Amino acid sequence: MKKKYLFYAVLAVFMLWFPAVVFNTAAAFSGHPDPGQIQAFIYHHFGMEEKYPSTSVSVKQFKAHLDYLEKNDYTVLTLGNALDLISSEDQLPEKIAVITMDDGYRSIWQHAVPILDEYGYTATVFIPTSHVGGNNYLTWRQIAELQKKGFEIGNHSHSHEYFLNHSKEKISKKFEADLEKSHELFRRHLNKTPKLYAYPFGEYNPEMIKVLKKYGYLAAAAQKSGVICTESNRFVLPRFPMNVQYGKTEGFAEKAQMNALRVVDAEPEDPVISGQNPPELTLRVQNSKIYPENLQCFVSGNRNCTVEHSGKNSEFVIKVRAGDKLSSRRTLYTVTASSREGSEWFWYSHLWIQPEYGE
């Protein structure tokens, strides 16, 4: 799991550094994300910040996050309910937030659930079934109790392995076999199988998405930051990661007020780099609010990249490429833009994967 924590540590530095460099948050934000969006946050550990600083928030920080959502009139839903809502024709709440938790650590039960109960909130918990009942992990009894309380239980695989380490011909079969193992355990202990999935380490490819659709999954979360909107690819959903380093209330508030760039198409579809390196990302954006001359790009937090745009009115084509060859297993391209009046900011991240760089 060390590589997973390292990726979040790098992402934490970017998320901490980004607002101060790119804009003055105190002056820039309007304080209201656009309607029809979901501000999704990902947590792992609670109250274990000394041992896991890159993937834990303190109990005090988590309570402050929920306090911010309550005081600023966010409707807090499970991820599945939030996705259903923005797809419906019903009147939407002005602001929607989702709390998600990956890996099913026991600190969820010990520290997070009592605080969520105080506010009357629930969350979506993604479970790797082979880990259940292990040291520092939730038990099936606790997971069943969470489900009774209205928490949403999602699938985080059975083995939590690096599926992309297998040859391309075997990935789909390995992934499907793992999915069936997890389903067997979910049925045995919860009498149902999940409809939402979170990719281990955030890694996926189109073949894995096909398997999830075959088994009736409705959506899946990747490991990249950003805001969910109606245009988002349901099987590559972004979430803002939280940890002790940038879990301060002002940092949480910045993410809660961020807007989606509203990307309607992203190429290539496969995040695994198989051709030119550095790879080029092409985005088709439909957003009448953004000021394209202010487009900025980052490669894992650094400005070593180029961004070009073409188009007019509310539709743009954006091309992004790093200045140097990518040399990590996972690398994020992030594109941001301000609104024309400068009071709102828009965000989109794309994950690149190179399995040959090991775990």
Foldseek 3Di string as FASTA:
>chain_A
DVVLLVLLVLLLVLLVPVDVPQHDVVQFAPLFAAPQWEAEEEAEAECCCVPRQSGYAYLVLLLLLVVVCVVSVEDEDEPVVSLVVSPDPDDTDRAYYAYEYEAAFCNCVVRVVVSCVVVVHAHEYEHQQLCAPHVRGHHLVVVLVSVVSVHHYAYAWPPLDDLVLDPPVCSLVVRLVRQVVVQVVCCVRNVGHHQEYEYRSQADFVSNVVSSVVVNRDAYEGDAAFMGGPLDDRHHHHHHYDGHSQSHSVSSSLSSRAYAQAWNDKPPRTQEDDDDFVDKIKTKGFAQFFDVVFKAKAKSNHRQKDWDWDDDHRIIIIMITGNGGDDAQKIKIKIKTATPVSNHIHIDIDIHGHCVNDD
